[in-house]
Amino acid sequence: MKKSWKTRDRGLLLLAILSSSISLGWRFIVVPLQADMGEIDNEMILQEKQLKHYQRILKQADAYETHFEALSSRYNQAESETEIMARLVSEIQGVAESMPFRITNLRPQNISKEDKMQRYSIDIVLDADVVDVWHFIYILQRNPYAFSVTNARFDKIHHNKKENLKVRLTFSKTFVSKLKNDKQKR
């Protein structure tokens, strides 16, 4: 009888050890692994979102680089100062030729320099009608000229029973001596 009791005890002990090891294994191994896998899944989803965000930023950076290249080619000072001033004067004269007024005085000003920027200014005196003057300014401020008006003075004059304006304008344009785009290799 003792022998059968020992076998039974061993069976119960083995069953108790097996059930407790399964319970402990489930509690301390499987449940934490499932929690870690959930955290890993959440981290992967977060990383995928960040990757998509960074890809979107890189696409925007490419668009900005293209815009930067266009602006730098437009405002980089590749020519000498006299060549730039002559080109600006000819641009203004070219626009003025298509207008129904005359320029009585066109005079380039000294170039003002600040850091890497050079501002080219040109004084103009016109005898014109108000509408023509505004149209002239409008054309020179738009692309491809992109001049800015830094000074304007309007004087009313009477000439042969006709009212007209004597307009003094200062147009300017700023160039950058060396504009670089430091592209980072990706």
Protein backbone atom coordinates (compact mmCIF):
# COMPACT_ATOMS: atom_id res chain seq x y z
CA MET A 1 0.00 0.00 0.00
CA LYS A 2 2.83 2.30 0.61
CA LYS A 3 4.06 1.72 -2.89
CA SER A 4 0.82 2.78 -4.46
CA TRP A 5 0.70 5.83 -2.22
CA LYS A 6 4.13 6.88 -3.36
CA THR A 7 3.17 6.50 -6.97
CA ARG A 8 0.05 8.48 -6.39
CA ASP A 9 1.98 11.13 -4.49
CA ARG A 10 4.49 11.29 -7.23
CA GLY A 11 1.75 11.69 -9.79
CA LEU A 12 0.08 14.45 -7.79
CA LEU A 13 3.41 16.12 -7.14
CA LEU A 14 4.30 15.89 -10.80
CA LEU A 15 0.89 17.27 -11.75
CA ALA A 16 1.23 20.14 -9.23
CA ILE A 17 4.74 20.97 -10.45
CA LEU A 18 3.62 20.82 -14.07
CA SER A 19 0.56 23.04 -13.50
CA SER A 20 2.49 25.54 -11.39
CA SER A 21 5.34 25.70 -13.96
CA ILE A 22 2.80 26.24 -16.74
CA SER A 23 1.10 28.92 -14.66
CA LEU A 24 4.38 30.60 -13.73
CA GLY A 25 5.68 30.31 -17.30
CA TRP A 26 2.49 31.88 -18.60
CA ARG A 27 2.60 34.65 -16.02
CA PHE A 28 6.30 35.51 -16.18
CA ILE A 29 7.26 34.57 -19.74
CA VAL A 30 4.30 34.62 -22.15
CA VAL A 31 2.43 37.66 -20.76
CA PRO A 32 5.55 39.92 -20.69
CA LEU A 33 6.51 38.76 -24.18
CA GLN A 34 3.04 39.62 -25.46
CA ALA A 35 3.29 43.04 -23.80
CA ASP A 36 6.75 43.56 -25.31
CA MET A 37 5.45 42.51 -28.71
CA GLY A 38 2.61 45.03 -28.37
CA GLU A 39 5.11 47.74 -27.50
CA ILE A 40 7.30 46.68 -30.41
CA ASP A 41 4.30 46.82 -32.75
CA ASN A 42 3.41 50.29 -31.47
CA GLU A 43 7.03 51.39 -31.88
CA MET A 44 7.09 50.05 -35.44
CA ILE A 45 3.89 51.95 -36.28
CA LEU A 46 5.37 55.12 -34.75
CA GLN A 47 8.61 54.64 -36.70
CA GLU A 48 6.65 54.13 -39.95
CA LYS A 49 4.75 57.37 -39.30
CA GLN A 50 8.01 59.22 -38.63
CA LEU A 51 9.52 57.75 -41.79
CA LYS A 52 6.57 58.96 -43.85
CA HIS A 53 6.86 62.38 -42.20
CA TYR A 54 10.58 62.56 -43.01
CA GLN A 55 9.93 61.47 -46.59
CA ARG A 56 7.41 64.28 -46.92
CA ILE A 57 9.97 66.73 -45.49
CA LEU A 58 12.57 65.52 -47.99
CA LYS A 59 10.14 66.05 -50.87
CA GLN A 60 9.48 69.57 -49.59
CA ALA A 61 13.22 70.12 -49.26
CA ASP A 62 13.64 69.15 -52.90
CA ALA A 63 10.98 71.69 -53.86
CA TYR A 64 12.71 74.33 -51.72
CA GLU A 65 16.06 73.49 -53.31
CA THR A 66 14.57 73.99 -56.77
CA HIS A 67 13.09 77.29 -55.65
CA PHE A 68 16.42 78.26 -54.09
CA GLU A 69 18.26 77.43 -57.32
CA ALA A 70 15.84 79.62 -59.27
CA LEU A 71 16.24 82.50 -56.84
CA SER A 72 20.00 82.16 -56.61
CA SER A 73 20.36 82.15 -60.38
CA ARG A 74 18.18 85.24 -60.47
CA TYR A 75 19.85 87.22 -57.69
CA ASN A 76 23.43 85.94 -57.74
CA GLN A 77 25.86 88.53 -58.90
CA ALA A 78 27.72 86.69 -61.65
CA GLU A 79 28.54 89.79 -63.70
CA SER A 80 30.64 92.80 -62.80
CA GLU A 81 28.99 95.79 -61.15
CA THR A 82 29.13 97.91 -64.32
CA GLU A 83 27.61 95.10 -66.41
CA ILE A 84 24.77 94.68 -63.93
CA MET A 85 24.10 98.42 -63.77
CA ALA A 86 24.12 98.67 -67.58
CA ARG A 87 21.69 95.72 -67.82
CA LEU A 88 19.34 97.28 -65.26
CA VAL A 89 19.38 100.64 -67.03
CA SER A 90 18.65 98.95 -70.36
CA GLU A 91 15.77 96.97 -68.78
CA ILE A 92 14.21 100.21 -67.51
CA GLN A 93 14.75 101.95 -70.84
CA GLY A 94 13.25 98.96 -72.67
CA VAL A 95 10.07 99.14 -70.62
CA ALA A 96 9.93 102.95 -70.91
CA GLU A 97 10.13 102.78 -74.72
CA SER A 98 6.79 100.99 -74.82
CA MET A 99 5.17 103.70 -72.68
CA PRO A 100 3.59 106.95 -73.93
CA PHE A 101 5.86 109.25 -71.92
CA ARG A 102 9.41 110.39 -72.01
CA ILE A 103 12.21 110.03 -69.53
CA THR A 104 13.85 113.38 -68.92
CA ASN A 105 16.60 112.04 -66.71
CA LEU A 106 17.90 108.55 -65.98
CA ARG A 107 20.88 108.35 -63.66
CA PRO A 108 22.47 105.33 -61.96
CA GLN A 109 23.30 105.85 -58.29
CA ASN A 110 26.20 104.57 -56.25
CA ILE A 111 26.01 100.92 -55.31
CA SER A 112 25.33 100.39 -51.62
CA LYS A 113 26.96 97.30 -50.14
CA GLU A 114 26.00 95.44 -46.99
CA ASP A 115 27.70 92.15 -46.16
CA LYS A 116 27.27 90.06 -49.30
CA MET A 117 24.46 92.17 -50.76
CA GLN A 118 24.74 94.96 -53.30
CA ARG A 119 21.81 97.29 -53.91
CA TYR A 120 21.76 98.91 -57.32
CA SER A 121 19.66 102.07 -57.54
CA ILE A 122 18.61 104.12 -60.54
CA ASP A 123 16.96 107.56 -60.39
CA ILE A 124 14.44 108.39 -63.09
CA VAL A 125 12.59 111.61 -63.84
CA LEU A 126 9.47 111.33 -66.01
CA ASP A 127 6.94 113.72 -67.49
CA ALA A 128 3.87 111.55 -67.58
CA ASP A 129 0.25 110.93 -66.84
CA VAL A 130 -0.63 109.26 -63.51
CA VAL A 131 -2.05 106.13 -65.10
CA ASP A 132 1.04 105.67 -67.27
CA VAL A 133 3.34 106.10 -64.28
CA TRP A 134 1.46 103.48 -62.24
CA HIS A 135 1.51 101.10 -65.19
CA PHE A 136 5.26 101.65 -65.60
CA ILE A 137 5.88 100.97 -61.91
CA TYR A 138 3.62 97.92 -62.01
CA ILE A 139 5.53 96.39 -64.93
CA LEU A 140 8.94 96.99 -63.36
CA GLN A 141 7.90 95.45 -60.03
CA ARG A 142 6.69 92.21 -61.59
CA ASN A 143 8.65 89.33 -63.05
CA PRO A 144 11.04 89.22 -64.86
CA TYR A 145 12.26 92.66 -63.69
CA ALA A 146 11.48 92.54 -59.93
CA PHE A 147 12.55 96.11 -59.17
CA SER A 148 11.46 97.79 -55.99
CA VAL A 149 10.57 101.46 -55.71
CA THR A 150 12.60 102.94 -52.90
CA ASN A 151 11.68 106.59 -53.44
CA ALA A 152 8.91 108.39 -55.31
CA ARG A 153 8.02 112.04 -55.67
CA PHE A 154 5.14 113.44 -57.71
CA ASP A 155 5.00 117.10 -58.72
CA LYS A 156 2.09 118.55 -60.67
CA ILE A 157 3.16 120.67 -63.66
CA HIS A 158 1.15 122.75 -66.12
CA HIS A 159 2.31 122.66 -69.70
CA ASN A 160 0.32 124.17 -72.58
CA LYS A 161 -2.99 124.14 -70.65
CA LYS A 162 -2.48 120.48 -69.86
CA GLU A 163 -1.82 119.10 -66.41
CA ASN A 164 0.89 116.54 -66.17
CA LEU A 165 3.13 115.07 -63.52
CA LYS A 166 6.81 115.34 -63.08
CA VAL A 167 7.71 112.10 -61.35
CA ARG A 168 10.99 111.26 -59.67
CA LEU A 169 11.40 107.56 -58.98
CA THR A 170 14.22 105.53 -57.55
CA PHE A 171 14.18 101.90 -58.59
CA SER A 172 16.47 99.45 -56.89
CA LYS A 173 17.38 95.82 -57.11
CA THR A 174 19.48 93.80 -54.69
CA PHE A 175 21.95 91.11 -55.67
CA VAL A 176 23.95 88.70 -53.54
CA SER A 177 27.63 88.29 -54.30
CA LYS A 178 27.98 84.59 -53.50
CA LEU A 179 24.90 82.61 -52.71
CA LYS A 180 25.59 78.94 -52.09
CA ASN A 181 23.34 76.02 -51.49
CA ASP A 182 25.12 73.66 -49.14
CA LYS A 183 23.46 70.41 -50.12
CA GLN A 184 23.88 67.59 -47.73
CA LYS A 185 24.41 64.17 -49.23
CA ARG A 186 21.58 61.86 -48.47
